[in-house]
Amino acid sequence: MSDSLAGLAALRRGIVEARRTGRTLVAVRAWEPPEGDALYRARPEPSWARLWADEARRRLDGAFELAVGVPPADLRGTAAGDDRSEPAVAP
C-alpha cells in the first residue's frame, strides 16, 4: 500500500469491502532495506531493520490519515510489515 492516489483509492475500497463482508482489513506496506535485500541478508543489522520497519509503519499510518482521517473504529484491522527475519512464502 502506498500513499499514491491509486494506493489511497485501494485503501478506501478495502475499508468498504471489509465493512460489507465483516472481514478483517489487513493493510500492508512492503519495504526493502536501502542497500538492497541481498546485502542485508548477508550482513543483517536488527537496529536498522527496526528503523526501516518503523518508517514503513509511519507511512502506513500517514496513508490512513490521507485516505480516511483515522483508521476506522468500526473495523477489525491490522497493519502488516515485513520484519526481515525470514523470506516470505506464497500460500
C-alpha atoms as a PDB file:
ATOM      1  CA  MET A   1       0.000   0.000   0.000  1.00  0.00           C
ATOM      2  CA  SER A   2       1.280   3.433  -0.821  1.00  0.00           C
ATOM      3  CA  ASP A   3       0.107   6.991  -0.363  1.00  0.00           C
ATOM      4  CA  SER A   4      -0.283   7.435  -4.121  1.00  0.00           C
ATOM      5  CA  LEU A   5      -3.769   8.285  -5.398  1.00  0.00           C
ATOM      6  CA  ALA A   6      -4.200   4.676  -6.537  1.00  0.00           C
ATOM      7  CA  GLY A   7      -2.969   3.358  -3.176  1.00  0.00           C
ATOM      8  CA  LEU A   8      -5.357   5.604  -1.244  1.00  0.00           C
ATOM      9  CA  ALA A   9      -8.242   4.563  -3.505  1.00  0.00           C
ATOM     10  CA  ALA A  10      -7.360   0.896  -2.869  1.00  0.00           C
ATOM     11  CA  LEU A  11      -7.307   1.529   0.886  1.00  0.00           C
ATOM     12  CA  ARG A  12     -10.724   3.212   0.760  1.00  0.00           C
ATOM     13  CA  ARG A  13     -12.055   0.293  -1.298  1.00  0.00           C
ATOM     14  CA  GLY A  14     -10.587  -2.176   1.196  1.00  0.00           C
ATOM     15  CA  ILE A  15     -12.410  -0.390   4.009  1.00  0.00           C
ATOM     16  CA  VAL A  16     -15.693  -0.585   2.099  1.00  0.00           C
ATOM     17  CA  GLU A  17     -15.199  -4.302   1.370  1.00  0.00           C
ATOM     18  CA  ALA A  18     -14.191  -5.103   4.964  1.00  0.00           C
ATOM     19  CA  ARG A  19     -17.349  -3.401   6.211  1.00  0.00           C
ATOM     20  CA  ARG A  20     -19.526  -5.120   3.607  1.00  0.00           C
ATOM     21  CA  THR A  21     -18.182  -8.610   4.299  1.00  0.00           C
ATOM     22  CA  GLY A  22     -17.363  -8.311   8.003  1.00  0.00           C
ATOM     23  CA  ARG A  23     -13.777  -9.322   7.378  1.00  0.00           C
ATOM     24  CA  THR A  24     -10.558  -8.026   8.902  1.00  0.00           C
ATOM     25  CA  LEU A  25      -8.830  -5.253   6.979  1.00  0.00           C
ATOM     26  CA  VAL A  26      -5.118  -6.008   6.527  1.00  0.00           C
ATOM     27  CA  ALA A  27      -3.054  -3.088   5.268  1.00  0.00           C
ATOM     28  CA  VAL A  28       0.474  -3.919   4.127  1.00  0.00           C
ATOM     29  CA  ARG A  29       3.395  -1.654   3.359  1.00  0.00           C
ATOM     30  CA  ALA A  30       6.279  -3.535   1.758  1.00  0.00           C
ATOM     31  CA  TRP A  31       9.795  -2.174   2.003  1.00  0.00           C
ATOM     32  CA  GLU A  32      13.338  -3.088   1.182  1.00  0.00           C
ATOM     33  CA  PRO A  33      16.493  -2.013   3.006  1.00  0.00           C
ATOM     34  CA  PRO A  34      18.195   0.929   1.241  1.00  0.00           C
ATOM     35  CA  GLU A  35      21.314  -1.127   0.449  1.00  0.00           C
ATOM     36  CA  GLY A  36      19.171  -3.913  -1.005  1.00  0.00           C
ATOM     37  CA  ASP A  37      17.851  -7.172   0.324  1.00  0.00           C
ATOM     38  CA  ALA A  38      20.821  -9.328  -0.726  1.00  0.00           C
ATOM     39  CA  LEU A  39      23.333  -7.230   1.213  1.00  0.00           C
ATOM     40  CA  TYR A  40      21.048  -7.037   4.242  1.00  0.00           C
ATOM     41  CA  ARG A  41      20.608 -10.817   4.298  1.00  0.00           C
ATOM     42  CA  ALA A  42      24.390 -11.262   4.094  1.00  0.00           C
ATOM     43  CA  ARG A  43      25.037  -8.826   6.987  1.00  0.00           C
ATOM     44  CA  PRO A  44      21.776  -8.226   8.883  1.00  0.00           C
ATOM     45  CA  GLU A  45      21.598  -5.342  11.325  1.00  0.00           C
ATOM     46  CA  PRO A  46      18.459  -5.583  13.507  1.00  0.00           C
ATOM     47  CA  SER A  47      18.586  -1.959  14.684  1.00  0.00           C
ATOM     48  CA  TRP A  48      18.460  -0.701  11.089  1.00  0.00           C
ATOM     49  CA  ALA A  49      15.669  -3.152  10.265  1.00  0.00           C
ATOM     50  CA  ARG A  50      13.632  -1.759  13.177  1.00  0.00           C
ATOM     51  CA  LEU A  51      14.271   1.776  11.937  1.00  0.00           C
ATOM     52  CA  TRP A  52      13.069   0.897   8.410  1.00  0.00           C
ATOM     53  CA  ALA A  53      10.062  -1.009   9.756  1.00  0.00           C
ATOM     54  CA  ASP A  54       9.132   1.987  11.940  1.00  0.00           C
ATOM     55  CA  GLU A  55       9.366   4.254   8.903  1.00  0.00           C
ATOM     56  CA  ALA A  56       7.128   1.886   6.918  1.00  0.00           C
ATOM     57  CA  ARG A  57       4.625   1.954   9.801  1.00  0.00           C
ATOM     58  CA  ARG A  58       4.657   5.785   9.854  1.00  0.00           C
ATOM     59  CA  ARG A  59       3.972   5.817   6.125  1.00  0.00           C
ATOM     60  CA  LEU A  60       1.150   3.318   6.579  1.00  0.00           C
ATOM     61  CA  ASP A  61      -0.385   5.469   9.319  1.00  0.00           C
ATOM     62  CA  GLY A  62       0.016   8.514   7.061  1.00  0.00           C
ATOM     63  CA  ALA A  63      -1.817   6.743   4.237  1.00  0.00           C
ATOM     64  CA  PHE A  64      -4.759   6.055   6.589  1.00  0.00           C
ATOM     65  CA  GLU A  65      -4.755   9.726   7.563  1.00  0.00           C
ATOM     66  CA  LEU A  66      -4.802  10.835   3.927  1.00  0.00           C
ATOM     67  CA  ALA A  67      -7.415   8.265   2.885  1.00  0.00           C
ATOM     68  CA  VAL A  68      -9.953   8.493   5.699  1.00  0.00           C
ATOM     69  CA  GLY A  69      -8.591  10.677   8.505  1.00  0.00           C
ATOM     70  CA  VAL A  70      -8.019   7.878  11.035  1.00  0.00           C
ATOM     71  CA  PRO A  71      -8.203   4.080  10.989  1.00  0.00           C
ATOM     72  CA  PRO A  72     -11.912   3.172  11.140  1.00  0.00           C
ATOM     73  CA  ALA A  73     -13.001   2.292  14.689  1.00  0.00           C
ATOM     74  CA  ASP A  74     -15.795   0.029  13.427  1.00  0.00           C
ATOM     75  CA  LEU A  75     -13.444  -2.412  11.687  1.00  0.00           C
ATOM     76  CA  ARG A  76     -11.156  -5.127  12.906  1.00  0.00           C
ATOM     77  CA  GLY A  77      -7.877  -4.341  11.295  1.00  0.00           C
ATOM     78  CA  THR A  78      -4.196  -4.868  11.350  1.00  0.00           C
ATOM     79  CA  ALA A  79      -1.169  -3.403   9.691  1.00  0.00           C
ATOM     80  CA  ALA A  80       1.388  -5.888   8.470  1.00  0.00           C
ATOM     81  CA  GLY A  81       5.036  -5.230   7.902  1.00  0.00           C
ATOM     82  CA  ASP A  82       7.981  -7.311   6.819  1.00  0.00           C
ATOM     83  CA  ASP A  83      10.239  -7.953   9.780  1.00  0.00           C
ATOM     84  CA  ARG A  84      13.038  -9.234   7.530  1.00  0.00           C
ATOM     85  CA  SER A  85      13.519 -12.307   9.692  1.00  0.00           C
ATOM     86  CA  GLU A  86      12.528 -14.883   7.082  1.00  0.00           C
ATOM     87  CA  PRO A  87      11.746 -14.730   3.363  1.00  0.00           C
ATOM     88  CA  ALA A  88       8.054 -14.545   2.566  1.00  0.00           C
ATOM     89  CA  VAL A  89       6.398 -17.661   1.167  1.00  0.00           C
ATOM     90  CA  ALA A  90       3.356 -17.525  -1.081  1.00  0.00           C
ATOM     91  CA  PRO A  91       0.381 -19.577   0.170  1.00  0.00           C
END
